[in-house]
Amino acid sequence: MPVVSLSPFSWAEGLTIDVLIRLLNKTFLDPASHWVVLVSYAVQSVTRSSVRRLSFLEATKAAVFATPTLARSDPFFQAILALCAVGTVLKLDKLLDRLARNNFTTDKQGWKWGQPDGGEIVLTTILCPDFAGAGGLGSNVACRLAARKIKVVVLDVAPLAADAPESIAYYKVDLSNAEEIRQVAEKVRREIGHPSVLVNMAGVVKASSILDMAQRDIDLTYDINVKAHYYTVQAFLPHMLEEGHGHVVTIASSTAYHQAANGVAYCSSKAAALSFHEGLTEELRHLYLPHSKARAVRTSVICPAHFKSGMFAGFVSGIPEFLAPSLEVDTVAELVEKTILSGESQHIIEPYYASFTPLGRALPTWIYGGILACAKDAMGHVQTARGGGKSTARPNGAKSD
């Protein structure tokens, strides 16, 4: 599973394992530092064994010729050489992953951010009526992009709050209604222009057991979290294909890779969103013509674990915060912003512990089940905290009073 990390090196979540791992990656685990140590050690070895004083150039040349001998006889040199080899292979693997994610093609047009004429237009779907109070992810991303003078178009059923930047264009639309989206898309193209970046960010959480979940909540979850992705892509992808230039960003979740009691609908819908992203990627790669243009359209998916937004109030991970930190909304928003500005296809799972979730199903059942059991109550209080009243599962299908 190719996973990219665009996370900033910050202390926003406090001292966590993510901070330590990023520190190690930038120092002791950096292949460049291994090569520096390797060369320095080889130069020092030949300098010590030389009967005369060597210049740096002479010592370096002698170290190159001495490398086979050191590799056979010096344990420390062997260890550093092994680290260099492993690090170089991993770097090469990341490079190949990056090239493959982008279909081994370059965007010939380039990305024009913040230009008043002919610049990129970012269209995002959100469900966050207040720009200041709750600190929703969608509003945070929209404000970040607007601050960069990028044209931002927001599709939402609720109007923007008074504190929203004036440069953000708002269009009211019911994201569960395909016809409304088609009509609004035509209006956006006519009044603003053709969006070159589509961010499917709108999402809802309805925490409830399978037996207690109302039909309207099931429908709403899949309408917003899954079906809206189809409608928006159908509306805006054709022009990206014509231009050979565009980017579709899908906001999924690390729960796309695992399930949770009282969160089955949400987790399932995010699994569907992830699968949609993968399917769209395959169609761009193999189905649409001409291939040279279709393969230049970028697709990204971001799968954050729990982050501190109002929609997840009451969430309890069941795992120590040091190992499984809850992300700040700013951290996730910066991930989305960096993904958009990169102009490249990305597959991001954050924080660090969540990057192992795709491997869960490869584990023995007794191990995987034990790991999931640690978070068995994670979603149990989300609905209560959001004012909806906690659902009580009905054992054996018994009806509640």
Protein backbone atom coordinates (compact mmCIF):
# COMPACT_ATOMS: atom_id res chain seq x y z
CA MET A 1 0.00 0.00 0.00
CA PRO A 2 1.70 3.23 -1.11
CA VAL A 3 1.29 5.81 1.63
CA VAL A 4 2.63 9.34 1.39
CA SER A 5 3.31 11.62 4.32
CA LEU A 6 2.84 15.33 3.76
CA SER A 7 2.33 16.08 7.44
CA PRO A 8 4.11 19.13 8.79
CA PHE A 9 6.72 18.61 11.51
CA SER A 10 4.77 20.24 14.33
CA TRP A 11 3.81 19.87 17.96
CA ALA A 12 0.13 20.61 17.38
CA GLU A 13 -0.88 17.24 18.87
CA GLY A 14 1.77 17.37 21.60
CA LEU A 15 4.61 14.88 22.08
CA THR A 16 3.49 11.75 20.25
CA ILE A 17 5.11 8.85 18.47
CA ASP A 18 4.55 10.74 15.20
CA VAL A 19 6.89 13.52 16.32
CA LEU A 20 9.60 11.03 17.30
CA ILE A 21 9.31 9.06 14.06
CA ARG A 22 9.50 12.20 11.92
CA LEU A 23 12.53 13.34 13.90
CA LEU A 24 14.22 9.97 13.31
CA ASN A 25 13.33 10.05 9.61
CA LYS A 26 15.00 13.43 9.24
CA THR A 27 18.15 12.35 11.13
CA PHE A 28 19.26 8.80 11.94
CA LEU A 29 16.98 7.06 9.44
CA ASP A 30 17.79 9.41 6.57
CA PRO A 31 19.77 7.46 3.91
CA ALA A 32 21.78 10.60 3.10
CA SER A 33 23.19 10.64 6.64
CA HIS A 34 24.12 6.96 6.31
CA TRP A 35 26.12 7.66 3.16
CA VAL A 36 27.92 10.56 4.86
CA VAL A 37 28.89 8.30 7.77
CA LEU A 38 29.94 5.54 5.38
CA VAL A 39 32.21 7.77 3.29
CA SER A 40 33.64 9.52 6.37
CA TYR A 41 34.42 6.21 8.04
CA ALA A 42 36.09 4.82 4.90
CA VAL A 43 38.21 7.97 4.48
CA GLN A 44 39.20 7.86 8.14
CA SER A 45 40.15 4.18 7.86
CA VAL A 46 42.50 4.65 4.90
CA THR A 47 43.95 7.81 6.47
CA ARG A 48 44.84 5.93 9.65
CA SER A 49 46.46 3.07 7.73
CA SER A 50 48.45 5.31 5.38
CA VAL A 51 52.19 5.74 6.01
CA ARG A 52 52.03 9.35 4.81
CA ARG A 53 49.67 12.25 5.16
CA LEU A 54 46.97 12.17 2.45
CA SER A 55 45.05 15.06 0.99
CA PHE A 56 41.27 14.84 1.14
CA LEU A 57 41.10 14.00 -2.57
CA GLU A 58 43.72 11.27 -2.22
CA ALA A 59 42.02 9.85 0.87
CA THR A 60 38.65 9.80 -0.89
CA LYS A 61 40.12 8.02 -3.91
CA ALA A 62 41.87 5.49 -1.67
CA ALA A 63 38.62 4.94 0.28
CA VAL A 64 36.82 4.00 -2.93
CA PHE A 65 39.41 1.32 -3.71
CA ALA A 66 39.40 0.15 -0.09
CA THR A 67 35.62 -0.31 0.00
CA PRO A 68 35.63 -4.03 -1.03
CA THR A 69 38.17 -4.82 1.69
CA LEU A 70 36.25 -2.90 4.36
CA ALA A 71 32.99 -4.56 3.27
CA ARG A 72 34.55 -7.98 3.87
CA SER A 73 36.42 -7.34 7.09
CA ASP A 74 34.99 -4.39 9.03
CA PRO A 75 31.72 -5.11 10.96
CA PHE A 76 30.89 -1.43 11.50
CA PHE A 77 31.40 -0.65 7.82
CA GLN A 78 29.24 -3.65 6.92
CA ALA A 79 26.41 -2.41 9.18
CA ILE A 80 26.47 1.12 7.74
CA LEU A 81 26.69 -0.25 4.20
CA ALA A 82 23.62 -2.41 4.86
CA LEU A 83 21.71 0.65 6.15
CA CYS A 84 22.74 2.59 3.05
CA ALA A 85 21.54 -0.20 0.79
CA VAL A 86 18.18 -0.56 2.56
CA GLY A 87 17.65 3.20 2.68
CA THR A 88 18.49 3.59 -1.00
CA VAL A 89 16.11 0.80 -1.98
CA LEU A 90 13.32 2.40 0.08
CA LYS A 91 14.00 5.79 -1.53
CA LEU A 92 13.84 4.17 -4.95
CA ASP A 93 10.60 2.45 -3.97
CA LYS A 94 9.07 5.79 -2.95
CA LEU A 95 10.19 7.35 -6.22
CA LEU A 96 8.60 4.54 -8.25
CA ASP A 97 5.41 4.82 -6.16
CA ARG A 98 5.27 8.54 -6.87
CA LEU A 99 5.78 8.02 -10.60
CA ALA A 100 3.19 5.22 -10.72
CA ARG A 101 0.59 7.25 -8.81
CA ASN A 102 0.98 9.92 -11.47
CA ASN A 103 0.87 7.38 -14.33
CA PHE A 104 4.47 8.20 -15.30
CA THR A 105 3.17 11.39 -16.91
CA THR A 106 3.75 15.08 -16.30
CA ASP A 107 1.18 17.85 -16.37
CA LYS A 108 2.23 19.85 -19.41
CA GLN A 109 0.07 22.85 -18.47
CA GLY A 110 1.47 23.29 -14.99
CA TRP A 111 -0.49 24.69 -12.05
CA LYS A 112 -1.31 28.39 -11.88
CA TRP A 113 -2.16 29.16 -8.27
CA GLY A 114 -3.52 32.53 -7.23
CA GLN A 115 -3.54 34.09 -10.69
CA PRO A 116 -6.51 36.41 -11.33
CA ASP A 117 -6.82 35.42 -14.99
CA GLY A 118 -6.62 31.81 -16.05
CA GLY A 119 -5.69 30.58 -12.58
CA GLU A 120 -6.83 27.35 -11.00
CA ILE A 121 -10.36 27.09 -9.59
CA VAL A 122 -10.87 24.79 -6.60
CA LEU A 123 -14.40 23.52 -6.05
CA THR A 124 -15.11 21.79 -2.76
CA THR A 125 -18.20 20.22 -1.24
CA ILE A 126 -18.62 20.82 2.48
CA LEU A 127 -21.23 20.51 5.18
CA CYS A 128 -20.16 23.14 7.67
CA PRO A 129 -22.46 26.13 8.17
CA ASP A 130 -20.20 28.06 10.57
CA PHE A 131 -16.77 29.35 9.60
CA ALA A 132 -15.68 30.46 13.05
CA GLY A 133 -17.31 28.50 15.86
CA ALA A 134 -16.97 24.78 15.18
CA GLY A 135 -13.79 24.93 13.13
CA GLY A 136 -14.94 22.48 10.49
CA LEU A 137 -12.45 20.92 8.09
CA GLY A 138 -14.16 22.17 4.94
CA SER A 139 -14.28 25.79 6.06
CA ASN A 140 -10.67 25.63 7.23
CA VAL A 141 -9.45 24.36 3.86
CA ALA A 142 -11.55 26.91 1.95
CA CYS A 143 -10.15 29.78 4.02
CA ARG A 144 -6.57 28.55 3.60
CA LEU A 145 -6.90 28.47 -0.18
CA ALA A 146 -8.68 31.82 -0.29
CA ALA A 147 -5.81 33.35 1.70
CA ARG A 148 -3.51 32.27 -1.14
CA LYS A 149 -5.67 34.25 -3.62
CA ILE A 150 -6.93 30.99 -5.14
CA LYS A 151 -10.45 30.99 -6.56
CA VAL A 152 -12.58 28.82 -4.29
CA VAL A 153 -16.11 27.62 -4.96
CA VAL A 154 -18.08 25.99 -2.15
CA LEU A 155 -21.11 23.76 -2.66
CA ASP A 156 -23.21 23.30 0.46
CA VAL A 157 -26.82 23.12 1.49
CA ALA A 158 -26.30 25.80 4.16
CA PRO A 159 -25.15 29.36 3.37
CA LEU A 160 -21.72 30.59 4.37
CA ALA A 161 -21.41 32.38 7.67
CA ALA A 162 -20.87 36.11 7.89
CA ASP A 163 -17.18 35.67 8.72
CA ALA A 164 -16.43 33.71 5.53
CA PRO A 165 -13.96 35.43 3.17
CA GLU A 166 -15.77 37.42 0.49
CA SER A 167 -13.61 35.88 -2.22
CA ILE A 168 -15.19 32.44 -1.66
CA ALA A 169 -18.04 31.81 -4.09
CA TYR A 170 -20.96 29.92 -2.58
CA TYR A 171 -23.63 27.89 -4.36
CA LYS A 172 -26.47 26.27 -2.51
CA VAL A 173 -27.08 22.67 -3.50
CA ASP A 174 -28.46 19.47 -2.05
CA LEU A 175 -25.54 17.10 -2.51
CA SER A 176 -27.86 14.11 -2.47
CA ASN A 177 -29.67 15.40 -5.56
CA ALA A 178 -27.91 14.60 -8.84
CA GLU A 179 -30.06 16.97 -10.90
CA GLU A 180 -29.38 19.91 -8.57
CA ILE A 181 -25.65 19.26 -8.81
CA ARG A 182 -25.83 19.22 -12.62
CA GLN A 183 -27.70 22.52 -12.66
CA VAL A 184 -25.34 24.18 -10.19
CA ALA A 185 -22.31 22.86 -12.09
CA GLU A 186 -23.58 24.57 -15.22
CA LYS A 187 -24.05 27.79 -13.27
CA VAL A 188 -20.52 27.58 -11.81
CA ARG A 189 -19.01 27.07 -15.26
CA ARG A 190 -20.97 30.02 -16.62
CA GLU A 191 -20.26 32.46 -13.77
CA ILE A 192 -16.85 31.40 -12.44
CA GLY A 193 -15.25 29.04 -14.93
CA HIS A 194 -14.30 25.39 -15.14
CA PRO A 195 -12.96 24.03 -11.83
CA SER A 196 -9.61 22.30 -12.25
CA VAL A 197 -9.60 20.86 -8.73
CA LEU A 198 -12.56 19.00 -7.23
CA VAL A 199 -12.44 18.22 -3.51
CA ASN A 200 -15.15 15.85 -2.29
CA MET A 201 -15.02 16.75 1.37
CA ALA A 202 -18.63 16.74 2.53
CA GLY A 203 -19.35 14.01 5.04
CA VAL A 204 -21.82 13.07 7.74
CA VAL A 205 -21.58 10.82 10.78
CA LYS A 206 -24.60 9.04 12.21
CA ALA A 207 -23.44 6.92 15.14
CA SER A 208 -25.86 4.09 15.73
CA SER A 209 -26.00 0.33 15.81
CA ILE A 210 -27.17 -1.48 12.69
CA LEU A 211 -30.47 -2.49 14.31
CA ASP A 212 -31.25 0.99 15.60
CA MET A 213 -30.25 3.06 12.60
CA ALA A 214 -33.15 4.83 10.91
CA GLN A 215 -33.58 4.48 7.16
CA ARG A 216 -33.25 8.23 6.65
CA ASP A 217 -29.86 8.18 8.40
CA ILE A 218 -28.67 5.26 6.28
CA ASP A 219 -29.77 7.06 3.12
CA LEU A 220 -28.21 10.36 4.20
CA THR A 221 -24.88 8.72 5.05
CA TYR A 222 -24.55 7.06 1.67
CA ASP A 223 -26.05 9.98 -0.26
CA ILE A 224 -23.44 12.42 1.07
CA ASN A 225 -20.44 10.17 1.76
CA VAL A 226 -20.63 8.09 -1.43
CA LYS A 227 -23.20 9.00 -4.08
CA ALA A 228 -22.31 12.71 -4.10
CA HIS A 229 -18.82 11.71 -5.29
CA TYR A 230 -20.35 10.17 -8.41
CA TYR A 231 -22.52 13.21 -9.10
CA THR A 232 -19.74 15.80 -8.74
CA VAL A 233 -17.22 13.80 -10.77
CA GLN A 234 -19.80 13.28 -13.53
CA ALA A 235 -20.35 17.04 -13.57
CA PHE A 236 -16.74 18.28 -13.55
CA LEU A 237 -14.45 15.51 -14.80
CA PRO A 238 -15.31 15.78 -18.54
CA HIS A 239 -13.65 19.19 -18.88
CA MET A 240 -10.57 17.95 -17.01
CA LEU A 241 -10.33 15.13 -19.55
CA GLU A 242 -10.61 17.57 -22.44
CA GLU A 243 -7.82 19.71 -21.02
CA GLY A 244 -5.62 16.87 -19.78
CA HIS A 245 -5.39 18.85 -16.56
CA GLY A 246 -7.20 18.46 -13.25
CA HIS A 247 -7.20 16.93 -9.80
CA VAL A 248 -9.93 15.01 -7.95
CA VAL A 249 -9.32 14.83 -4.19
CA THR A 250 -11.32 12.38 -2.10
CA ILE A 251 -11.55 12.80 1.66
CA ALA A 252 -12.08 9.32 3.05
CA SER A 253 -11.00 8.04 6.48
CA SER A 254 -8.72 5.47 8.05
CA THR A 255 -11.99 3.70 8.96
CA ALA A 256 -12.17 2.77 5.28
CA TYR A 257 -9.82 -0.05 6.29
CA HIS A 258 -11.62 -1.28 9.41
CA GLN A 259 -14.98 -1.32 11.14
CA ALA A 260 -16.33 -0.03 14.47
CA ALA A 261 -19.41 -0.87 16.50
CA ASN A 262 -22.00 1.94 16.32
CA GLY A 263 -20.20 3.29 13.27
CA VAL A 264 -20.88 0.65 10.64
CA ALA A 265 -22.65 2.97 8.20
CA TYR A 266 -19.94 5.62 8.42
CA CYS A 267 -17.05 3.15 8.10
CA SER A 268 -18.75 1.36 5.21
CA SER A 269 -19.41 4.61 3.39
CA LYS A 270 -15.76 5.64 3.75
CA ALA A 271 -14.67 2.24 2.44
CA ALA A 272 -16.91 2.92 -0.56
CA ALA A 273 -15.35 6.39 -0.99
CA LEU A 274 -11.88 4.86 -0.98
CA SER A 275 -12.96 2.24 -3.49
CA PHE A 276 -14.48 4.99 -5.65
CA HIS A 277 -11.13 6.79 -5.66
CA GLU A 278 -9.34 3.60 -6.69
CA GLY A 279 -11.89 2.92 -9.42
CA LEU A 280 -11.68 6.47 -10.77
CA THR A 281 -7.89 6.15 -10.86
CA GLU A 282 -8.14 2.93 -12.86
CA GLU A 283 -10.62 4.41 -15.33
CA LEU A 284 -8.40 7.44 -15.93
CA ARG A 285 -5.47 5.12 -16.45
CA HIS A 286 -7.09 2.65 -18.85
CA LEU A 287 -10.56 3.69 -20.03
CA TYR A 288 -10.80 7.29 -21.17
CA LEU A 289 -9.26 8.55 -24.39
CA PRO A 290 -6.89 9.97 -25.32
CA HIS A 291 -4.75 8.22 -22.70
CA SER A 292 -2.16 10.99 -22.75
CA LYS A 293 -4.72 13.48 -21.41
CA ALA A 294 -6.73 11.20 -19.11
CA ARG A 295 -3.60 9.94 -17.37
CA ALA A 296 -2.52 13.51 -16.65
CA VAL A 297 -5.60 14.08 -14.46
CA ARG A 298 -4.56 13.56 -10.83
CA THR A 299 -6.47 11.63 -8.18
CA SER A 300 -5.73 11.77 -4.47
CA VAL A 301 -7.25 10.24 -1.37
CA ILE A 302 -6.71 11.40 2.20
CA CYS A 303 -7.58 8.98 5.00
CA PRO A 304 -7.21 10.71 8.37
CA ALA A 305 -7.96 8.94 11.61
CA HIS A 306 -9.99 10.76 14.26
CA PHE A 307 -9.59 14.52 14.29
CA LYS A 308 -11.06 17.04 16.71
CA SER A 309 -14.08 18.36 14.83
CA GLY A 310 -17.57 18.85 16.18
CA MET A 311 -18.97 15.93 14.19
CA PHE A 312 -16.82 13.50 16.22
CA ALA A 313 -17.44 14.98 19.67
CA GLY A 314 -17.58 12.17 22.22
CA PHE A 315 -15.18 9.90 20.33
CA VAL A 316 -12.96 7.74 22.55
CA SER A 317 -10.14 5.87 20.81
CA GLY A 318 -9.35 3.42 23.61
CA ILE A 319 -5.65 3.65 22.70
CA PRO A 320 -3.08 5.85 24.52
CA GLU A 321 -2.89 9.33 23.00
CA PHE A 322 0.89 9.02 22.61
CA LEU A 323 0.44 6.10 20.19
CA ALA A 324 -2.84 7.16 18.58
CA PRO A 325 -3.15 10.94 18.75
CA SER A 326 -6.32 12.72 17.71
CA LEU A 327 -5.38 15.15 14.96
CA GLU A 328 -6.12 18.85 15.14
CA VAL A 329 -8.41 20.18 12.42
CA ASP A 330 -5.59 22.51 11.33
CA THR A 331 -3.31 19.51 10.78
CA VAL A 332 -5.80 17.74 8.52
CA ALA A 333 -6.62 20.98 6.70
CA GLU A 334 -2.93 21.53 6.00
CA LEU A 335 -2.72 17.99 4.62
CA VAL A 336 -5.57 18.74 2.22
CA GLU A 337 -4.03 22.09 1.27
CA LYS A 338 -0.62 20.53 0.58
CA THR A 339 -2.20 17.75 -1.45
CA ILE A 340 -3.99 20.27 -3.66
CA LEU A 341 -0.94 22.51 -4.08
CA SER A 342 1.34 19.55 -4.85
CA GLY A 343 -0.46 19.03 -8.15
CA GLU A 344 0.32 15.33 -7.84
CA SER A 345 -1.66 12.22 -6.98
CA GLN A 346 -1.31 11.31 -3.31
CA HIS A 347 -2.43 8.51 -1.00
CA ILE A 348 -2.24 9.75 2.56
CA ILE A 349 -3.08 7.99 5.82
CA GLU A 350 -2.42 9.90 9.04
CA PRO A 351 -1.35 9.77 11.84
CA TYR A 352 1.45 7.20 11.87
CA TYR A 353 -0.44 4.37 13.60
CA ALA A 354 -3.25 4.62 11.04
CA SER A 355 -0.85 3.86 8.20
CA PHE A 356 -0.83 0.25 9.41
CA THR A 357 -4.61 -0.18 9.14
CA PRO A 358 -4.48 -1.51 5.54
CA LEU A 359 -2.37 -4.40 6.85
CA GLY A 360 -5.00 -5.42 9.42
CA ARG A 361 -6.76 -7.98 7.27
CA ALA A 362 -3.46 -9.74 6.60
CA LEU A 363 -3.09 -10.47 10.33
CA PRO A 364 -4.40 -13.62 12.02
CA THR A 365 -7.99 -13.14 13.13
CA TRP A 366 -7.17 -13.45 16.83
CA ILE A 367 -4.62 -10.62 16.58
CA TYR A 368 -6.72 -8.34 14.35
CA GLY A 369 -9.81 -8.90 16.51
CA GLY A 370 -7.84 -8.02 19.63
CA ILE A 371 -6.64 -4.77 18.09
CA LEU A 372 -10.17 -3.76 17.06
CA ALA A 373 -11.42 -4.62 20.55
CA CYS A 374 -9.24 -1.85 21.97
CA ALA A 375 -11.53 0.65 20.23
CA LYS A 376 -14.83 -1.19 20.70
CA ASP A 377 -16.41 1.82 22.47
CA ALA A 378 -14.90 4.49 20.21
CA MET A 379 -18.17 5.50 18.54
CA GLY A 380 -20.48 4.68 21.43
CA HIS A 381 -20.83 8.26 22.71
CA VAL A 382 -20.49 10.27 19.51
CA GLN A 383 -24.23 10.60 18.94
CA THR A 384 -24.81 11.56 22.58
CA ALA A 385 -22.23 14.33 22.42
CA ARG A 386 -23.80 15.68 19.24
CA GLY A 387 -27.20 15.85 20.90
CA GLY A 388 -28.83 12.97 19.11
CA GLY A 389 -29.20 10.57 21.99
CA LYS A 390 -27.13 7.41 22.17
CA SER A 391 -28.48 4.33 20.43
CA THR A 392 -28.82 1.18 22.47
CA ALA A 393 -28.25 -2.04 20.56
CA ARG A 394 -31.09 -4.53 20.78
CA PRO A 395 -29.60 -7.97 21.50
CA ASN A 396 -30.99 -10.86 19.49
CA GLY A 397 -33.17 -8.50 17.49
CA ALA A 398 -35.44 -7.66 20.42
CA LYS A 399 -37.54 -4.53 20.04
CA SER A 400 -36.89 -1.58 22.28
CA ASP A 401 -39.65 -0.05 24.36
